[in-house]
Structure formats: structure tokens, C-alpha cells
């Protein structure tokens, strides 16, 4: 199994939690909790979670922008 994903071309249209973990560097528990809280774009299919490639790319883009935004409370 490949440790790092180096190209979006290698990512399937719909992925499972282990692949999303490799892309994000997060644990399965983190992804599942964020998905349950509505903060991560994953969908439960039976007993398994699935993430769409386009939704993950959008999530990454939006969170990069949010993390770079100046803190309004300062």
C-alpha cells in the first residue's frame, strides 16, 4: 500500500476512510466525528463512510482559506 497520495489523478471519485486519512493526515475517529457533527463531507453507506473526491477538494480549499483568514477577535 502506498503511504502518500501524490496526485489527485490517483484518488478515486469516491473514497473510503483509510484513503481520506492518508490524504488529510488525520485519524479515522477524527474524520468520523467531524462527519457526524456535519463539519466534514462524508456520507455513511451502511456501516461504512464514503467521501467524494470533489467534496474533499472543496473542504480542503475552504479550510485553507478559513485557516489563513485573520482572527476577527484580535
PDB file of N, CA and C in Angstrom:
ATOM      1  N   UNK A   1       0.848  -1.181   0.000  1.00  0.00           N
ATOM      2  CA  UNK A   1       0.000   0.000   0.000  1.00  0.00           C
ATOM      3  C   UNK A   1       0.893   1.243   0.000  1.00  0.00           C
ATOM      4  N   UNK A   2       0.524   2.171  -0.828  1.00  0.00           N
ATOM      5  CA  UNK A   2       1.246   3.439  -0.968  1.00  0.00           C
ATOM      6  C   UNK A   2       0.990   4.313   0.263  1.00  0.00           C
ATOM      7  N   UNK A   3       2.044   4.903   0.816  1.00  0.00           N
ATOM      8  CA  UNK A   3       1.906   5.712   2.032  1.00  0.00           C
ATOM      9  C   UNK A   3       1.319   7.085   1.738  1.00  0.00           C
ATOM     10  N   UNK A   4       1.760   7.731   0.661  1.00  0.00           N
ATOM     11  CA  UNK A   4       1.302   9.083   0.343  1.00  0.00           C
ATOM     12  C   UNK A   4       0.583   9.105  -0.989  1.00  0.00           C
ATOM     13  N   UNK A   5      -0.397   9.959  -1.081  1.00  0.00           N
ATOM     14  CA  UNK A   5      -1.071  10.203  -2.348  1.00  0.00           C
ATOM     15  C   UNK A   5      -0.386  11.424  -2.944  1.00  0.00           C
ATOM     16  N   UNK A   6       0.168  11.279  -4.123  1.00  0.00           N
ATOM     17  CA  UNK A   6       0.950  12.369  -4.702  1.00  0.00           C
ATOM     18  C   UNK A   6       0.261  13.061  -5.865  1.00  0.00           C
ATOM     19  N   UNK A   7      -0.894  12.548  -6.277  1.00  0.00           N
ATOM     20  CA  UNK A   7      -1.611  13.155  -7.392  1.00  0.00           C
ATOM     21  C   UNK A   7      -3.111  12.946  -7.218  1.00  0.00           C
ATOM     22  N   UNK A   8      -3.885  13.976  -7.512  1.00  0.00           N
ATOM     23  CA  UNK A   8      -5.343  13.838  -7.455  1.00  0.00           C
ATOM     24  C   UNK A   8      -5.829  12.824  -8.477  1.00  0.00           C
ATOM     25  N   UNK A   9      -5.045  12.591  -9.530  1.00  0.00           N
ATOM     26  CA  UNK A   9      -5.414  11.589 -10.531  1.00  0.00           C
ATOM     27  C   UNK A   9      -5.435  10.191  -9.933  1.00  0.00           C
ATOM     28  N   UNK A  10      -4.693   9.968  -8.844  1.00  0.00           N
ATOM     29  CA  UNK A  10      -4.649   8.668  -8.183  1.00  0.00           C
ATOM     30  C   UNK A  10      -5.798   8.465  -7.194  1.00  0.00           C
ATOM     31  N   UNK A  11      -6.577   9.495  -6.962  1.00  0.00           N
ATOM     32  CA  UNK A  11      -7.672   9.425  -5.994  1.00  0.00           C
ATOM     33  C   UNK A  11      -8.960   9.040  -6.723  1.00  0.00           C
ATOM     34  N   UNK A  12      -9.646   8.004  -6.244  1.00  0.00           N
ATOM     35  CA  UNK A  12     -10.907   7.623  -6.893  1.00  0.00           C
ATOM     36  C   UNK A  12     -11.996   8.668  -6.668  1.00  0.00           C
ATOM     37  N   UNK A  13     -13.035   8.603  -7.470  1.00  0.00           N
ATOM     38  CA  UNK A  13     -14.144   9.555  -7.378  1.00  0.00           C
ATOM     39  C   UNK A  13     -14.801   9.485  -6.006  1.00  0.00           C
ATOM     40  N   UNK A  14     -14.918   8.288  -5.456  1.00  0.00           N
ATOM     41  CA  UNK A  14     -15.451   8.084  -4.105  1.00  0.00           C
ATOM     42  C   UNK A  14     -14.429   7.249  -3.347  1.00  0.00           C
ATOM     43  N   UNK A  15     -14.067   7.720  -2.154  1.00  0.00           N
ATOM     44  CA  UNK A  15     -13.036   7.021  -1.381  1.00  0.00           C
ATOM     45  C   UNK A  15     -13.571   6.586  -0.026  1.00  0.00           C
ATOM     46  N   UNK A  16     -12.808   5.729   0.616  1.00  0.00           N
ATOM     47  CA  UNK A  16     -13.156   5.269   1.960  1.00  0.00           C
ATOM     48  C   UNK A  16     -12.347   6.050   2.998  1.00  0.00           C
ATOM     49  N   UNK A  17     -12.627   5.780   4.244  1.00  0.00           N
ATOM     50  CA  UNK A  17     -11.963   6.479   5.352  1.00  0.00           C
ATOM     51  C   UNK A  17     -10.438   6.289   5.344  1.00  0.00           C
ATOM     52  N   UNK A  18      -9.915   5.081   5.149  1.00  0.00           N
ATOM     53  CA  UNK A  18      -8.455   4.947   5.166  1.00  0.00           C
ATOM     54  C   UNK A  18      -7.734   5.833   4.142  1.00  0.00           C
ATOM     55  N   UNK A  19      -8.284   5.952   2.945  1.00  0.00           N
ATOM     56  CA  UNK A  19      -7.650   6.812   1.947  1.00  0.00           C
ATOM     57  C   UNK A  19      -7.768   8.274   2.354  1.00  0.00           C
ATOM     58  N   UNK A  20      -8.916   8.687   2.845  1.00  0.00           N
ATOM     59  CA  UNK A  20      -9.088  10.074   3.318  1.00  0.00           C
ATOM     60  C   UNK A  20      -8.114  10.377   4.459  1.00  0.00           C
ATOM     61  N   UNK A  21      -7.883   9.401   5.326  1.00  0.00           N
ATOM     62  CA  UNK A  21      -6.920   9.579   6.422  1.00  0.00           C
ATOM     63  C   UNK A  21      -5.525   9.831   5.876  1.00  0.00           C
ATOM     64  N   UNK A  22      -5.135   9.088   4.852  1.00  0.00           N
ATOM     65  CA  UNK A  22      -3.804   9.282   4.254  1.00  0.00           C
ATOM     66  C   UNK A  22      -3.691  10.658   3.623  1.00  0.00           C
ATOM     67  N   UNK A  23      -4.744  11.124   2.989  1.00  0.00           N
ATOM     68  CA  UNK A  23      -4.702  12.436   2.334  1.00  0.00           C
ATOM     69  C   UNK A  23      -4.646  13.552   3.369  1.00  0.00           C
ATOM     70  N   UNK A  24      -5.458  13.439   4.416  1.00  0.00           N
ATOM     71  CA  UNK A  24      -5.577  14.508   5.416  1.00  0.00           C
ATOM     72  C   UNK A  24      -4.560  14.411   6.550  1.00  0.00           C
ATOM     73  N   UNK A  25      -4.011  13.231   6.774  1.00  0.00           N
ATOM     74  CA  UNK A  25      -3.132  13.058   7.926  1.00  0.00           C
ATOM     75  C   UNK A  25      -3.902  13.065   9.229  1.00  0.00           C
ATOM     76  N   UNK A  26      -5.127  12.603   9.184  1.00  0.00           N
ATOM     77  CA  UNK A  26      -5.993  12.545  10.365  1.00  0.00           C
ATOM     78  C   UNK A  26      -6.371  11.099  10.659  1.00  0.00           C
ATOM     79  N   UNK A  27      -6.868  10.855  11.850  1.00  0.00           N
ATOM     80  CA  UNK A  27      -7.284   9.509  12.238  1.00  0.00           C
ATOM     81  C   UNK A  27      -8.703   9.222  11.737  1.00  0.00           C
ATOM     82  N   UNK A  28      -9.051   7.944  11.621  1.00  0.00           N
ATOM     83  CA  UNK A  28     -10.425   7.598  11.250  1.00  0.00           C
ATOM     84  C   UNK A  28     -11.446   8.164  12.240  1.00  0.00           C
ATOM     85  N   UNK A  29     -11.085   8.155  13.521  1.00  0.00           N
ATOM     86  CA  UNK A  29     -12.010   8.676  14.542  1.00  0.00           C
ATOM     87  C   UNK A  29     -12.268  10.165  14.330  1.00  0.00           C
ATOM     88  N   UNK A  30     -11.234  10.936  13.972  1.00  0.00           N
ATOM     89  CA  UNK A  30     -11.385  12.372  13.734  1.00  0.00           C
ATOM     90  C   UNK A  30     -12.345  12.608  12.570  1.00  0.00           C
ATOM     91  N   UNK A  31     -12.138  11.873  11.473  1.00  0.00           N
ATOM     92  CA  UNK A  31     -12.994  12.039  10.290  1.00  0.00           C
ATOM     93  C   UNK A  31     -14.440  11.666  10.615  1.00  0.00           C
ATOM     94  N   UNK A  32     -14.634  10.538  11.284  1.00  0.00           N
ATOM     95  CA  UNK A  32     -15.995  10.100  11.611  1.00  0.00           C
ATOM     96  C   UNK A  32     -16.696  11.098  12.530  1.00  0.00           C
ATOM     97  N   UNK A  33     -15.995  11.605  13.530  1.00  0.00           N
ATOM     98  CA  UNK A  33     -16.608  12.571  14.445  1.00  0.00           C
ATOM     99  C   UNK A  33     -16.971  13.864  13.722  1.00  0.00           C
ATOM    100  N   UNK A  34     -16.065  14.367  12.891  1.00  0.00           N
ATOM    101  CA  UNK A  34     -16.348  15.588  12.122  1.00  0.00           C
ATOM    102  C   UNK A  34     -17.518  15.365  11.172  1.00  0.00           C
ATOM    103  N   UNK A  35     -17.598  14.177  10.582  1.00  0.00           N
ATOM    104  CA  UNK A  35     -18.718  13.863   9.685  1.00  0.00           C
ATOM    105  C   UNK A  35     -20.030  13.820  10.467  1.00  0.00           C
ATOM    106  N   UNK A  36     -20.023  13.180  11.627  1.00  0.00           N
ATOM    107  CA  UNK A  36     -21.236  13.129  12.466  1.00  0.00           C
ATOM    108  C   UNK A  36     -21.687  14.526  12.883  1.00  0.00           C
ATOM    109  N   UNK A  37     -20.709  15.406  13.137  1.00  0.00           N
ATOM    110  CA  UNK A  37     -21.015  16.779  13.553  1.00  0.00           C
ATOM    111  C   UNK A  37     -21.381  17.689  12.377  1.00  0.00           C
ATOM    112  N   UNK A  38     -21.324  17.149  11.159  1.00  0.00           N
ATOM    113  CA  UNK A  38     -21.651  17.934   9.975  1.00  0.00           C
ATOM    114  C   UNK A  38     -20.531  18.879   9.554  1.00  0.00           C
ATOM    115  N   UNK A  39     -19.315  18.634  10.036  1.00  0.00           N
ATOM    116  CA  UNK A  39     -18.179  19.504   9.737  1.00  0.00           C
ATOM    117  C   UNK A  39     -17.239  18.914   8.684  1.00  0.00           C
ATOM    118  N   UNK A  40     -17.555  17.724   8.195  1.00  0.00           N
ATOM    119  CA  UNK A  40     -16.733  17.067   7.184  1.00  0.00           C
ATOM    120  C   UNK A  40     -17.654  16.365   6.199  1.00  0.00           C
ATOM    121  N   UNK A  41     -17.361  16.475   4.898  1.00  0.00           N
ATOM    122  CA  UNK A  41     -18.275  15.971   3.869  1.00  0.00           C
ATOM    123  C   UNK A  41     -18.183  14.470   3.603  1.00  0.00           C
ATOM    124  N   UNK A  42     -18.560  13.678   4.579  1.00  0.00           N
ATOM    125  CA  UNK A  42     -18.595  12.221   4.397  1.00  0.00           C
ATOM    126  C   UNK A  42     -20.042  11.755   4.520  1.00  0.00           C
ATOM    127  N   UNK A  43     -20.347  10.664   3.837  1.00  0.00           N
ATOM    128  CA  UNK A  43     -21.687  10.084   3.849  1.00  0.00           C
ATOM    129  C   UNK A  43     -21.588   8.649   4.307  1.00  0.00           C
ATOM    130  N   UNK A  44     -22.493   8.259   5.166  1.00  0.00           N
ATOM    131  CA  UNK A  44     -22.494   6.883   5.656  1.00  0.00           C
ATOM    132  C   UNK A  44     -23.283   6.009   4.679  1.00  0.00           C
ATOM    133  N   UNK A  45     -22.651   4.921   4.235  1.00  0.00           N
ATOM    134  CA  UNK A  45     -23.274   3.928   3.353  1.00  0.00           C
ATOM    135  C   UNK A  45     -23.275   2.610   4.112  1.00  0.00           C
ATOM    136  N   UNK A  46     -24.426   2.277   4.672  1.00  0.00           N
ATOM    137  CA  UNK A  46     -24.479   1.089   5.523  1.00  0.00           C
ATOM    138  C   UNK A  46     -23.636   1.326   6.761  1.00  0.00           C
ATOM    139  N   UNK A  47     -22.629   0.498   6.962  1.00  0.00           N
ATOM    140  CA  UNK A  47     -21.734   0.633   8.122  1.00  0.00           C
ATOM    141  C   UNK A  47     -20.465   1.408   7.803  1.00  0.00           C
ATOM    142  N   UNK A  48     -20.305   1.836   6.561  1.00  0.00           N
ATOM    143  CA  UNK A  48     -19.058   2.472   6.128  1.00  0.00           C
ATOM    144  C   UNK A  48     -19.272   3.923   5.731  1.00  0.00           C
ATOM    145  N   UNK A  49     -18.233   4.700   5.890  1.00  0.00           N
ATOM    146  CA  UNK A  49     -18.254   6.098   5.470  1.00  0.00           C
ATOM    147  C   UNK A  49     -17.597   6.227   4.108  1.00  0.00           C
ATOM    148  N   UNK A  50     -18.116   7.112   3.263  1.00  0.00           N
ATOM    149  CA  UNK A  50     -17.555   7.396   1.946  1.00  0.00           C
ATOM    150  C   UNK A  50     -17.405   8.897   1.770  1.00  0.00           C
ATOM    151  N   UNK A  51     -16.373   9.293   1.048  1.00  0.00           N
ATOM    152  CA  UNK A  51     -16.094  10.705   0.807  1.00  0.00           C
ATOM    153  C   UNK A  51     -15.917  10.886  -0.700  1.00  0.00           C
ATOM    154  N   UNK A  52     -16.620  11.862  -1.264  1.00  0.00           N
ATOM    155  CA  UNK A  52     -16.460  12.156  -2.685  1.00  0.00           C
ATOM    156  C   UNK A  52     -15.217  13.023  -2.891  1.00  0.00           C
ATOM    157  N   UNK A  53     -14.459  12.705  -3.919  1.00  0.00           N
ATOM    158  CA  UNK A  53     -13.223  13.420  -4.234  1.00  0.00           C
ATOM    159  C   UNK A  53     -13.460  14.928  -4.359  1.00  0.00           C
ATOM    160  N   UNK A  54     -14.484  15.326  -5.107  1.00  0.00           N
ATOM    161  CA  UNK A  54     -14.759  16.757  -5.293  1.00  0.00           C
ATOM    162  C   UNK A  54     -15.114  17.448  -3.985  1.00  0.00           C
ATOM    163  N   UNK A  55     -15.847  16.756  -3.119  1.00  0.00           N
ATOM    164  CA  UNK A  55     -16.211  17.337  -1.832  1.00  0.00           C
ATOM    165  C   UNK A  55     -14.990  17.483  -0.930  1.00  0.00           C
ATOM    166  N   UNK A  56     -14.081  16.523  -0.987  1.00  0.00           N
ATOM    167  CA  UNK A  56     -12.855  16.618  -0.197  1.00  0.00           C
ATOM    168  C   UNK A  56     -11.989  17.776  -0.687  1.00  0.00           C
ATOM    169  N   UNK A  57     -11.889  17.936  -1.989  1.00  0.00           N
ATOM    170  CA  UNK A  57     -11.105  19.059  -2.539  1.00  0.00           C
ATOM    171  C   UNK A  57     -11.710  20.391  -2.107  1.00  0.00           C
ATOM    172  N   UNK A  58     -13.031  20.493  -2.151  1.00  0.00           N
ATOM    173  CA  UNK A  58     -13.708  21.710  -1.717  1.00  0.00           C
ATOM    174  C   UNK A  58     -13.471  21.954  -0.227  1.00  0.00           C
ATOM    175  N   UNK A  59     -13.571  20.907   0.581  1.00  0.00           N
ATOM    176  CA  UNK A  59     -13.318  21.009   2.022  1.00  0.00           C
ATOM    177  C   UNK A  59     -11.906  21.538   2.281  1.00  0.00           C
ATOM    178  N   UNK A  60     -10.927  20.967   1.583  1.00  0.00           N
ATOM    179  CA  UNK A  60      -9.542  21.401   1.759  1.00  0.00           C
ATOM    180  C   UNK A  60      -9.355  22.860   1.370  1.00  0.00           C
ATOM    181  N   UNK A  61      -9.953  23.257   0.269  1.00  0.00           N
ATOM    182  CA  UNK A  61      -9.850  24.647  -0.184  1.00  0.00           C
ATOM    183  C   UNK A  61     -10.505  25.601   0.808  1.00  0.00           C
ATOM    184  N   UNK A  62     -11.705  25.283   1.248  1.00  0.00           N
ATOM    185  CA  UNK A  62     -12.418  26.158   2.182  1.00  0.00           C
ATOM    186  C   UNK A  62     -11.691  26.264   3.512  1.00  0.00           C
ATOM    187  N   UNK A  63     -11.164  25.172   4.007  1.00  0.00           N
ATOM    188  CA  UNK A  63     -10.482  25.206   5.296  1.00  0.00           C
ATOM    189  C   UNK A  63      -9.132  25.874   5.217  1.00  0.00           C
ATOM    190  N   UNK A  64      -8.471  25.798   4.090  1.00  0.00           N
ATOM    191  CA  UNK A  64      -7.214  26.522   3.915  1.00  0.00           C
ATOM    192  C   UNK A  64      -7.487  28.020   3.968  1.00  0.00           C
ATOM    193  N   UNK A  65      -8.547  28.462   3.318  1.00  0.00           N
ATOM    194  CA  UNK A  65      -8.913  29.874   3.329  1.00  0.00           C
ATOM    195  C   UNK A  65      -9.320  30.303   4.731  1.00  0.00           C
ATOM    196  N   UNK A  66     -10.113  29.469   5.422  1.00  0.00           N
ATOM    197  CA  UNK A  66     -10.543  29.807   6.782  1.00  0.00           C
ATOM    198  C   UNK A  66      -9.355  29.871   7.728  1.00  0.00           C
ATOM    199  N   UNK A  67      -8.419  28.935   7.580  1.00  0.00           N
ATOM    200  CA  UNK A  67      -7.254  28.915   8.468  1.00  0.00           C
ATOM    201  C   UNK A  67      -6.302  30.071   8.201  1.00  0.00           C
ATOM    202  N   UNK A  68      -6.349  30.652   7.002  1.00  0.00           N
ATOM    203  CA  UNK A  68      -5.464  31.762   6.661  1.00  0.00           C
ATOM    204  C   UNK A  68      -6.114  33.106   6.967  1.00  0.00           C
ATOM    205  N   UNK A  69      -7.421  33.091   7.229  1.00  0.00           N
ATOM    206  CA  UNK A  69      -8.118  34.364   7.485  1.00  0.00           C
ATOM    207  C   UNK A  69      -7.656  34.955   8.813  1.00  0.00           C
ATOM    208  N   UNK A  70      -7.564  36.271   8.891  1.00  0.00           N
ATOM    209  CA  UNK A  70      -7.181  36.903  10.154  1.00  0.00           C
ATOM    210  C   UNK A  70      -8.238  36.659  11.228  1.00  0.00           C
ATOM    211  N   UNK A  71      -7.811  36.554  12.456  1.00  0.00           N
ATOM    212  CA  UNK A  71      -8.711  36.325  13.581  1.00  0.00           C
ATOM    213  C   UNK A  71      -9.483  37.612  13.873  1.00  0.00           C
ATOM    214  N   UNK A  72     -10.798  37.527  13.795  1.00  0.00           N
ATOM    215  CA  UNK A  72     -11.650  38.710  13.984  1.00  0.00           C
ATOM    216  C   UNK A  72     -11.678  39.172  15.441  1.00  0.00           C
ATOM    217  N   UNK A  73     -11.278  38.301  16.377  1.00  0.00           N
ATOM    218  CA  UNK A  73     -11.367  38.677  17.786  1.00  0.00           C
ATOM    219  C   UNK A  73     -10.147  39.437  18.275  1.00  0.00           C
ATOM    220  N   UNK A  74      -9.101  39.521  17.472  1.00  0.00           N
ATOM    221  CA  UNK A  74      -7.873  40.197  17.926  1.00  0.00           C
ATOM    222  C   UNK A  74      -8.011  41.690  17.790  1.00  0.00           C
TER     223      UNK A  74
END
